[in-house]
C-alpha atoms as a PDB file:
ATOM      1  CA  MET A   1     -19.813 -16.333 -54.890  1.00  0.00           C
ATOM      2  CA  PRO A   2     -23.444 -17.503 -54.664  1.00  0.00           C
ATOM      3  CA  ALA A   3     -24.576 -14.167 -53.224  1.00  0.00           C
ATOM      4  CA  VAL A   4     -23.149 -10.741 -52.418  1.00  0.00           C
ATOM      5  CA  ALA A   5     -24.878  -7.848 -50.668  1.00  0.00           C
ATOM      6  CA  HIS A   6     -24.623  -4.049 -50.748  1.00  0.00           C
ATOM      7  CA  GLN A   7     -26.351  -1.344 -48.704  1.00  0.00           C
ATOM      8  CA  LEU A   8     -27.535   1.952 -50.174  1.00  0.00           C
ATOM      9  CA  ASP A   9     -28.850   4.980 -48.285  1.00  0.00           C
ATOM     10  CA  PHE A  10     -30.893   7.240 -50.577  1.00  0.00           C
ATOM     11  CA  ALA A  11     -30.235  10.236 -48.368  1.00  0.00           C
ATOM     12  CA  ASP A  12     -26.797  10.183 -50.022  1.00  0.00           C
ATOM     13  CA  HIS A  13     -27.819   9.135 -53.561  1.00  0.00           C
ATOM     14  CA  GLU A  14     -30.290   9.870 -56.327  1.00  0.00           C
ATOM     15  CA  GLY A  15     -33.763   8.540 -55.578  1.00  0.00           C
ATOM     16  CA  GLU A  16     -34.272   7.016 -59.014  1.00  0.00           C
ATOM     17  CA  VAL A  17     -32.356   4.166 -60.665  1.00  0.00           C
ATOM     18  CA  PRO A  18     -32.995   4.152 -64.438  1.00  0.00           C
ATOM     19  CA  ARG A  19     -33.972   1.052 -66.417  1.00  0.00           C
ATOM     20  CA  HIS A  20     -31.139  -1.475 -66.513  1.00  0.00           C
ATOM     21  CA  VAL A  21     -30.468  -5.214 -66.550  1.00  0.00           C
ATOM     22  CA  HIS A  22     -27.860  -7.538 -65.054  1.00  0.00           C
ATOM     23  CA  ARG A  23     -26.968 -11.204 -65.172  1.00  0.00           C
ATOM     24  CA  LYS A  24     -27.486 -11.961 -61.489  1.00  0.00           C
ATOM     25  CA  GLY A  25     -30.830 -12.084 -59.762  1.00  0.00           C
ATOM     26  CA  GLN A  26     -31.475  -9.208 -57.377  1.00  0.00           C
ATOM     27  CA  LEU A  27     -33.368  -9.006 -54.103  1.00  0.00           C
ATOM     28  CA  ILE A  28     -34.158  -5.470 -52.929  1.00  0.00           C
ATOM     29  CA  ILE A  29     -34.888  -5.234 -49.202  1.00  0.00           C
ATOM     30  CA  ALA A  30     -36.287  -2.044 -47.692  1.00  0.00           C
ATOM     31  CA  LEU A  31     -34.817  -1.472 -44.225  1.00  0.00           C
ATOM     32  CA  HIS A  32     -36.467   1.942 -43.980  1.00  0.00           C
ATOM     33  CA  GLY A  33     -38.713   3.918 -46.290  1.00  0.00           C
ATOM     34  CA  ALA A  34     -39.907   2.262 -49.484  1.00  0.00           C
ATOM     35  CA  VAL A  35     -38.932   1.639 -53.090  1.00  0.00           C
ATOM     36  CA  THR A  36     -41.072   1.148 -56.184  1.00  0.00           C
ATOM     37  CA  CYS A  37     -39.739  -1.109 -58.951  1.00  0.00           C
ATOM     38  CA  THR A  38     -41.020  -1.391 -62.512  1.00  0.00           C
ATOM     39  CA  ALA A  39     -40.388  -4.649 -64.369  1.00  0.00           C
ATOM     40  CA  LYS A  40     -42.251  -6.699 -66.991  1.00  0.00           C
ATOM     41  CA  ASN A  41     -45.232  -4.329 -67.195  1.00  0.00           C
ATOM     42  CA  GLU A  42     -45.774  -4.454 -63.445  1.00  0.00           C
ATOM     43  CA  ILE A  43     -45.108  -1.996 -60.640  1.00  0.00           C
ATOM     44  CA  TRP A  44     -43.795  -3.513 -57.405  1.00  0.00           C
ATOM     45  CA  ILE A  45     -43.806  -1.744 -54.041  1.00  0.00           C
ATOM     46  CA  VAL A  46     -41.249  -2.731 -51.418  1.00  0.00           C
ATOM     47  CA  PRO A  47     -42.435  -1.562 -47.983  1.00  0.00           C
ATOM     48  CA  PRO A  48     -40.283  -2.065 -44.867  1.00  0.00           C
ATOM     49  CA  ASN A  49     -39.424  -5.685 -44.032  1.00  0.00           C
ATOM     50  CA  CYS A  50     -40.338  -6.953 -47.476  1.00  0.00           C
ATOM     51  CA  GLY A  51     -38.256  -7.502 -50.579  1.00  0.00           C
ATOM     52  CA  VAL A  52     -38.827  -7.618 -54.308  1.00  0.00           C
ATOM     53  CA  TRP A  53     -37.127 -10.422 -56.215  1.00  0.00           C
ATOM     54  CA  ILE A  54     -36.038  -9.681 -59.796  1.00  0.00           C
ATOM     55  CA  PRO A  55     -34.551 -12.644 -61.698  1.00  0.00           C
ATOM     56  CA  GLY A  56     -31.396 -12.119 -63.732  1.00  0.00           C
ATOM     57  CA  GLY A  57     -31.877 -10.806 -67.254  1.00  0.00           C
ATOM     58  CA  VAL A  58     -35.081  -8.875 -66.468  1.00  0.00           C
ATOM     59  CA  PRO A  59     -34.910  -5.132 -67.347  1.00  0.00           C
ATOM     60  CA  HIS A  60     -36.116  -3.010 -64.441  1.00  0.00           C
ATOM     61  CA  SER A  61     -35.996   0.438 -62.870  1.00  0.00           C
ATOM     62  CA  ALA A  62     -36.494   1.644 -59.305  1.00  0.00           C
ATOM     63  CA  LYS A  63     -37.577   4.785 -57.487  1.00  0.00           C
ATOM     64  CA  ALA A  64     -37.001   5.156 -53.749  1.00  0.00           C
ATOM     65  CA  THR A  65     -38.477   7.499 -51.166  1.00  0.00           C
ATOM     66  CA  GLU A  66     -36.063  10.101 -49.800  1.00  0.00           C
ATOM     67  CA  ASN A  67     -35.783   8.294 -46.468  1.00  0.00           C
ATOM     68  CA  ALA A  68     -35.111   4.885 -48.025  1.00  0.00           C
ATOM     69  CA  ARG A  69     -32.287   2.674 -46.835  1.00  0.00           C
ATOM     70  CA  LEU A  70     -31.992  -0.507 -48.854  1.00  0.00           C
ATOM     71  CA  ASN A  71     -30.027  -3.711 -48.930  1.00  0.00           C
ATOM     72  CA  TYR A  72     -29.372  -5.349 -52.298  1.00  0.00           C
ATOM     73  CA  LEU A  73     -28.658  -9.065 -52.465  1.00  0.00           C
ATOM     74  CA  PHE A  74     -27.260 -10.214 -55.826  1.00  0.00           C
ATOM     75  CA  VAL A  75     -27.685 -13.941 -56.406  1.00  0.00           C
ATOM     76  CA  GLU A  76     -25.726 -16.039 -58.872  1.00  0.00           C
ATOM     77  CA  PRO A  77     -28.021 -17.821 -61.388  1.00  0.00           C
ATOM     78  CA  GLY A  78     -28.736 -21.352 -60.189  1.00  0.00           C
ATOM     79  CA  ALA A  79     -27.451 -20.724 -56.655  1.00  0.00           C
ATOM     80  CA  ALA A  80     -30.915 -21.127 -55.108  1.00  0.00           C
ATOM     81  CA  SER A  81     -34.393 -22.280 -56.131  1.00  0.00           C
ATOM     82  CA  LEU A  82     -35.817 -18.775 -56.243  1.00  0.00           C
ATOM     83  CA  PRO A  83     -38.832 -17.790 -58.401  1.00  0.00           C
ATOM     84  CA  GLU A  84     -38.351 -17.427 -62.144  1.00  0.00           C
ATOM     85  CA  GLU A  85     -40.601 -14.374 -62.199  1.00  0.00           C
ATOM     86  CA  CYS A  86     -40.637 -11.085 -60.291  1.00  0.00           C
ATOM     87  CA  CYS A  87     -42.405 -11.191 -56.934  1.00  0.00           C
ATOM     88  CA  THR A  88     -42.552  -9.572 -53.507  1.00  0.00           C
ATOM     89  CA  LEU A  89     -41.300 -11.719 -50.633  1.00  0.00           C
ATOM     90  CA  LEU A  90     -41.866 -11.362 -46.915  1.00  0.00           C
ATOM     91  CA  ILE A  91     -38.436 -10.964 -45.313  1.00  0.00           C
ATOM     92  CA  SER A  92     -38.001 -12.522 -41.866  1.00  0.00           C
ATOM     93  CA  PRO A  93     -35.883 -10.761 -39.218  1.00  0.00           C
ATOM     94  CA  LEU A  94     -33.330 -13.589 -39.591  1.00  0.00           C
ATOM     95  CA  ILE A  95     -32.884 -13.013 -43.333  1.00  0.00           C
ATOM     96  CA  ARG A  96     -32.793  -9.257 -42.878  1.00  0.00           C
ATOM     97  CA  GLU A  97     -30.003  -9.504 -40.314  1.00  0.00           C
ATOM     98  CA  MET A  98     -28.014 -12.031 -42.354  1.00  0.00           C
ATOM     99  CA  VAL A  99     -28.170  -9.907 -45.514  1.00  0.00           C
ATOM    100  CA  ASP A 100     -27.259  -6.827 -43.487  1.00  0.00           C
ATOM    101  CA  ARG A 101     -24.243  -8.687 -42.083  1.00  0.00           C
ATOM    102  CA  LEU A 102     -23.280  -9.906 -45.546  1.00  0.00           C
ATOM    103  CA  ALA A 103     -23.416  -6.320 -46.856  1.00  0.00           C
ATOM    104  CA  ARG A 104     -20.488  -5.508 -44.558  1.00  0.00           C
ATOM    105  CA  GLU A 105     -18.359  -8.304 -46.023  1.00  0.00           C
ATOM    106  CA  GLY A 106     -17.882  -6.944 -49.528  1.00  0.00           C
ATOM    107  CA  ALA A 107     -17.881  -9.056 -52.692  1.00  0.00           C
ATOM    108  CA  ASP A 108     -14.456 -10.703 -52.348  1.00  0.00           C
ATOM    109  CA  TYR A 109     -15.024 -13.079 -49.432  1.00  0.00           C
ATOM    110  CA  LEU A 110     -13.501 -16.579 -49.651  1.00  0.00           C
ATOM    111  CA  SER A 111     -15.569 -19.640 -50.558  1.00  0.00           C
ATOM    112  CA  ASP A 112     -14.746 -21.363 -47.236  1.00  0.00           C
ATOM    113  CA  SER A 113     -15.275 -18.271 -45.068  1.00  0.00           C
ATOM    114  CA  HIS A 114     -17.925 -17.418 -42.492  1.00  0.00           C
ATOM    115  CA  ALA A 115     -19.460 -15.000 -45.027  1.00  0.00           C
ATOM    116  CA  ALA A 116     -19.848 -17.830 -47.547  1.00  0.00           C
ATOM    117  CA  ARG A 117     -21.665 -19.963 -44.996  1.00  0.00           C
ATOM    118  CA  LEU A 118     -23.836 -17.002 -44.068  1.00  0.00           C
ATOM    119  CA  ALA A 119     -24.744 -16.479 -47.734  1.00  0.00           C
ATOM    120  CA  ARG A 120     -25.706 -20.129 -48.106  1.00  0.00           C
ATOM    121  CA  VAL A 121     -27.995 -20.088 -45.058  1.00  0.00           C
ATOM    122  CA  ALA A 122     -29.556 -16.778 -46.165  1.00  0.00           C
ATOM    123  CA  LEU A 123     -30.394 -18.246 -49.580  1.00  0.00           C
ATOM    124  CA  ASP A 124     -31.815 -21.421 -48.016  1.00  0.00           C
ATOM    125  CA  GLU A 125     -34.058 -19.333 -45.748  1.00  0.00           C
ATOM    126  CA  LEU A 126     -35.080 -17.030 -48.586  1.00  0.00           C
ATOM    127  CA  VAL A 127     -36.416 -19.902 -50.690  1.00  0.00           C
ATOM    128  CA  GLY A 128     -39.097 -20.581 -48.062  1.00  0.00           C
ATOM    129  CA  MET A 129     -40.380 -17.023 -47.678  1.00  0.00           C
ATOM    130  CA  ARG A 130     -44.049 -16.251 -48.359  1.00  0.00           C
ATOM    131  CA  ARG A 131     -45.015 -14.137 -51.367  1.00  0.00           C
ATOM    132  CA  GLU A 132     -46.968 -10.905 -50.829  1.00  0.00           C
ATOM    133  CA  ARG A 133     -49.276  -9.186 -53.334  1.00  0.00           C
ATOM    134  CA  PHE A 134     -47.679  -5.740 -53.469  1.00  0.00           C
ATOM    135  CA  ASN A 135     -47.665  -5.403 -57.245  1.00  0.00           C
ATOM    136  CA  LEU A 136     -49.758  -3.536 -59.765  1.00  0.00           C
ATOM    137  CA  PRO A 137     -50.088  -5.102 -63.235  1.00  0.00           C
ATOM    138  CA  VAL A 138     -49.943  -2.474 -65.946  1.00  0.00           C
ATOM    139  CA  SER A 139     -49.545  -3.107 -69.660  1.00  0.00           C
ATOM    140  CA  ALA A 140     -47.715  -2.136 -72.804  1.00  0.00           C
ATOM    141  CA  ASN A 141     -51.125  -1.451 -74.352  1.00  0.00           C
ATOM    142  CA  PRO A 142     -51.231   2.328 -74.967  1.00  0.00           C
ATOM    143  CA  LYS A 143     -54.781   2.755 -73.629  1.00  0.00           C
ATOM    144  CA  ILE A 144     -54.107   0.921 -70.349  1.00  0.00           C
ATOM    145  CA  ARG A 145     -50.737   2.627 -70.030  1.00  0.00           C
ATOM    146  CA  ALA A 146     -52.362   6.046 -70.478  1.00  0.00           C
ATOM    147  CA  ILE A 147     -54.826   5.333 -67.653  1.00  0.00           C
ATOM    148  CA  ALA A 148     -52.053   3.983 -65.413  1.00  0.00           C
ATOM    149  CA  ASP A 149     -49.834   7.008 -66.042  1.00  0.00           C
ATOM    150  CA  ALA A 150     -52.692   9.443 -65.354  1.00  0.00           C
ATOM    151  CA  LEU A 151     -53.797   7.743 -62.125  1.00  0.00           C
ATOM    152  CA  THR A 152     -50.232   7.418 -60.886  1.00  0.00           C
ATOM    153  CA  VAL A 153     -49.921  11.203 -61.153  1.00  0.00           C
ATOM    154  CA  GLU A 154     -53.444  11.926 -59.849  1.00  0.00           C
ATOM    155  CA  PRO A 155     -54.592   8.916 -57.804  1.00  0.00           C
ATOM    156  CA  SER A 156     -57.551  10.842 -56.338  1.00  0.00           C
ATOM    157  CA  ASP A 157     -59.234  10.895 -59.775  1.00  0.00           C
ATOM    158  CA  ARG A 158     -62.504   8.992 -59.263  1.00  0.00           C
ATOM    159  CA  SER A 159     -63.587   8.927 -62.903  1.00  0.00           C
ATOM    160  CA  THR A 160     -65.738   5.933 -63.810  1.00  0.00           C
ATOM    161  CA  LEU A 161     -64.794   3.263 -66.323  1.00  0.00           C
ATOM    162  CA  GLY A 162     -67.183   4.911 -68.795  1.00  0.00           C
ATOM    163  CA  GLU A 163     -65.469   8.284 -68.362  1.00  0.00           C
ATOM    164  CA  TRP A 164     -62.053   6.716 -68.911  1.00  0.00           C
ATOM    165  CA  ALA A 165     -63.375   4.937 -71.991  1.00  0.00           C
ATOM    166  CA  LYS A 166     -64.313   8.286 -73.526  1.00  0.00           C
ATOM    167  CA  ARG A 167     -60.866   9.702 -72.749  1.00  0.00           C
ATOM    168  CA  VAL A 168     -59.038   6.851 -74.480  1.00  0.00           C
ATOM    169  CA  ALA A 169     -61.549   6.686 -77.361  1.00  0.00           C
ATOM    170  CA  VAL A 170     -62.999   3.206 -76.848  1.00  0.00           C
ATOM    171  CA  SER A 171     -66.352   1.833 -75.735  1.00  0.00           C
ATOM    172  CA  GLU A 172     -66.875   1.098 -72.054  1.00  0.00           C
ATOM    173  CA  ARG A 173     -67.478  -2.576 -72.779  1.00  0.00           C
ATOM    174  CA  SER A 174     -64.304  -2.830 -74.863  1.00  0.00           C
ATOM    175  CA  LEU A 175     -62.245  -1.112 -72.170  1.00  0.00           C
ATOM    176  CA  ALA A 176     -63.627  -3.455 -69.499  1.00  0.00           C
ATOM    177  CA  ARG A 177     -62.626  -6.483 -71.581  1.00  0.00           C
ATOM    178  CA  LEU A 178     -59.232  -4.960 -72.379  1.00  0.00           C
ATOM    179  CA  MET A 179     -58.488  -4.235 -68.721  1.00  0.00           C
ATOM    180  CA  ILE A 180     -59.177  -7.847 -67.710  1.00  0.00           C
ATOM    181  CA  ALA A 181     -57.246  -9.234 -70.678  1.00  0.00           C
ATOM    182  CA  GLU A 182     -54.189  -7.042 -70.015  1.00  0.00           C
ATOM    183  CA  THR A 183     -54.075  -6.978 -66.192  1.00  0.00           C
ATOM    184  CA  GLY A 184     -56.237  -9.884 -65.028  1.00  0.00           C
ATOM    185  CA  LEU A 185     -58.307  -7.466 -62.899  1.00  0.00           C
ATOM    186  CA  THR A 186     -61.503  -5.505 -63.304  1.00  0.00           C
ATOM    187  CA  PHE A 187     -61.052  -1.738 -63.437  1.00  0.00           C
ATOM    188  CA  GLY A 188     -62.344  -1.343 -59.871  1.00  0.00           C
ATOM    189  CA  ARG A 189     -60.017  -4.006 -58.461  1.00  0.00           C
ATOM    190  CA  TRP A 190     -57.098  -2.633 -60.456  1.00  0.00           C
ATOM    191  CA  ARG A 191     -57.605   0.910 -59.164  1.00  0.00           C
ATOM    192  CA  GLN A 192     -57.895  -0.389 -55.598  1.00  0.00           C
ATOM    193  CA  GLN A 193     -54.581  -2.210 -56.027  1.00  0.00           C
ATOM    194  CA  LEU A 194     -53.041   1.020 -57.353  1.00  0.00           C
ATOM    195  CA  HIS A 195     -54.268   2.822 -54.242  1.00  0.00           C
ATOM    196  CA  LEU A 196     -52.780   0.122 -52.027  1.00  0.00           C
ATOM    197  CA  VAL A 197     -49.391   0.376 -53.752  1.00  0.00           C
ATOM    198  CA  ILE A 198     -49.356   4.171 -53.411  1.00  0.00           C
ATOM    199  CA  ALA A 199     -50.580   4.021 -49.809  1.00  0.00           C
ATOM    200  CA  LEU A 200     -47.821   1.626 -48.755  1.00  0.00           C
ATOM    201  CA  ARG A 201     -45.189   3.792 -50.426  1.00  0.00           C
ATOM    202  CA  GLU A 202     -46.419   7.050 -48.876  1.00  0.00           C
ATOM    203  CA  LEU A 203     -47.012   5.627 -45.401  1.00  0.00           C
ATOM    204  CA  ALA A 204     -43.524   4.106 -45.432  1.00  0.00           C
ATOM    205  CA  SER A 205     -42.067   7.472 -46.468  1.00  0.00           C
ATOM    206  CA  GLY A 206     -43.654   9.158 -43.430  1.00  0.00           C
ATOM    207  CA  ALA A 207     -47.055  10.426 -44.614  1.00  0.00           C
ATOM    208  CA  THR A 208     -49.988  10.332 -42.176  1.00  0.00           C
ATOM    209  CA  VAL A 209     -53.002   8.099 -42.706  1.00  0.00           C
ATOM    210  CA  GLN A 210     -55.130  11.253 -43.050  1.00  0.00           C
ATOM    211  CA  ALA A 211     -52.864  12.693 -45.733  1.00  0.00           C
ATOM    212  CA  VAL A 212     -52.802   9.457 -47.713  1.00  0.00           C
ATOM    213  CA  ALA A 213     -56.580   9.061 -47.512  1.00  0.00           C
ATOM    214  CA  ASN A 214     -56.960  12.609 -48.867  1.00  0.00           C
ATOM    215  CA  ALA A 215     -54.390  12.065 -51.610  1.00  0.00           C
ATOM    216  CA  LEU A 216     -56.229   8.954 -52.817  1.00  0.00           C
ATOM    217  CA  GLY A 217     -59.595  10.708 -52.901  1.00  0.00           C
ATOM    218  CA  TYR A 218     -61.318   8.797 -50.085  1.00  0.00           C
ATOM    219  CA  GLU A 219     -64.298  10.580 -48.532  1.00  0.00           C
ATOM    220  CA  SER A 220     -63.103   9.705 -45.037  1.00  0.00           C
ATOM    221  CA  VAL A 221     -60.149   8.177 -43.223  1.00  0.00           C
ATOM    222  CA  SER A 222     -62.361   5.296 -42.116  1.00  0.00           C
ATOM    223  CA  ALA A 223     -63.176   4.417 -45.745  1.00  0.00           C
ATOM    224  CA  PHE A 224     -59.470   4.284 -46.553  1.00  0.00           C
ATOM    225  CA  ILE A 225     -58.706   2.186 -43.460  1.00  0.00           C
ATOM    226  CA  THR A 226     -61.493  -0.241 -44.439  1.00  0.00           C
ATOM    227  CA  MET A 227     -59.911  -0.713 -47.886  1.00  0.00           C
ATOM    228  CA  PHE A 228     -56.454  -1.178 -46.376  1.00  0.00           C
ATOM    229  CA  LYS A 229     -57.662  -3.680 -43.781  1.00  0.00           C
ATOM    230  CA  LYS A 230     -59.617  -5.676 -46.362  1.00  0.00           C
ATOM    231  CA  ALA A 231     -56.515  -5.936 -48.566  1.00  0.00           C
ATOM    232  CA  LEU A 232     -53.850  -6.607 -45.904  1.00  0.00           C
ATOM    233  CA  GLY A 233     -55.787  -7.887 -42.921  1.00  0.00           C
ATOM    234  CA  SER A 234     -54.914  -5.016 -40.567  1.00  0.00           C
ATOM    235  CA  THR A 235     -55.205  -1.248 -40.255  1.00  0.00           C
ATOM    236  CA  PRO A 236     -52.273   0.923 -41.440  1.00  0.00           C
ATOM    237  CA  THR A 237     -51.170   1.529 -37.844  1.00  0.00           C
ATOM    238  CA  GLN A 238     -51.356  -2.178 -36.982  1.00  0.00           C
ATOM    239  CA  TYR A 239     -49.523  -3.107 -40.183  1.00  0.00           C
ATOM    240  CA  PHE A 240     -46.594  -0.748 -39.655  1.00  0.00           C
ATOM    241  CA  THR A 241     -46.446  -1.427 -35.914  1.00  0.00           C
ATOM    242  CA  ARG A 242     -46.029  -5.097 -36.741  1.00  0.00           C
ATOM    243  CA  LEU A 243     -43.112  -4.112 -38.974  1.00  0.00           C
ATOM    244  CA  GLY A 244     -41.534  -2.097 -36.180  1.00  0.00           C
ATOM    245  CA  SER A 245     -42.713   1.372 -37.240  1.00  0.00           C
ATOM    246  CA  SER A 246     -45.942   3.356 -37.387  1.00  0.00           C
ATOM    247  CA  PRO A 247     -47.411   6.196 -39.486  1.00  0.00           C
ATOM    248  CA  PRO A 248     -46.479   9.653 -38.075  1.00  0.00           C
ATOM    249  CA  LEU A 249     -48.815  12.129 -36.407  1.00  0.00           C
ATOM    250  CA  SER A 250     -48.063  14.925 -38.880  1.00  0.00           C
ATOM    251  CA  PRO A 251     -47.261  14.983 -42.614  1.00  0.00           C
ATOM    252  CA  PRO A 252     -43.599  15.058 -43.661  1.00  0.00           C
ATOM    253  CA  ARG A 253     -42.151  18.097 -45.372  1.00  0.00           C
ATOM    254  CA  GLY A 254     -42.857  18.088 -49.087  1.00  0.00           C
ATOM    255  CA  PHE A 255     -45.959  15.857 -49.037  1.00  0.00           C
ATOM    256  CA  HIS A 256     -49.029  17.698 -50.343  1.00  0.00           C
ATOM    257  CA  PRO A 257     -52.190  15.572 -50.283  1.00  0.00           C
ATOM    258  CA  ASP A 258     -54.075  17.998 -52.532  1.00  0.00           C
ATOM    259  CA  GLU A 259     -51.552  17.810 -55.360  1.00  0.00           C
END
């Protein structure tokens, strides 16, 4: 079949899917919560109502928030003119509902069935979806990887480029050139993108705007909101309201902004 769908609720499963690869392309749609995928030296965040597209043959891993409910759409190679590289796609309500319906059909539907027609329309619609910039380029370079790993664990670290250069034993100028060569971004832009990826994941998992701002080391909530609005064109509350949800009034159990 050109496409088959499956639904997975991470309340009933492990939150981490180890590195693997498969022949078919895979679209991961977040119905609730969020999932972070790692593929081709990039980290992709899938907030609600978006999807990450991973072409067939690309090794990848995924880590979902505890409240995540996902739909997976597996696409036969050549069945649709989808991107040849990983990307995040905006998922329209129509596509979301069609994939959700297809997930209830199983993988053994007939080629002339209603499910087959549904799959064809879903793929046709998917081809026209807009790409979103919810990815963080990392690198196989050990110096860039060390910085990425450290800031992923402690995103509130506000060390300067010069301070990071000393930690990874390279000159500040060399590190600046290396960062652009490996990621295409300056250090400041790269760290801001990291903060955006983490913010989307934590807000989708139920963290408050205040808690996320603290966790990312912003001096005030307004400074964090300014960054978010500059990157995505709306405040966190406006963004998630548009998606049909909004950040909560109190932090969820288990989220510690000072950690």
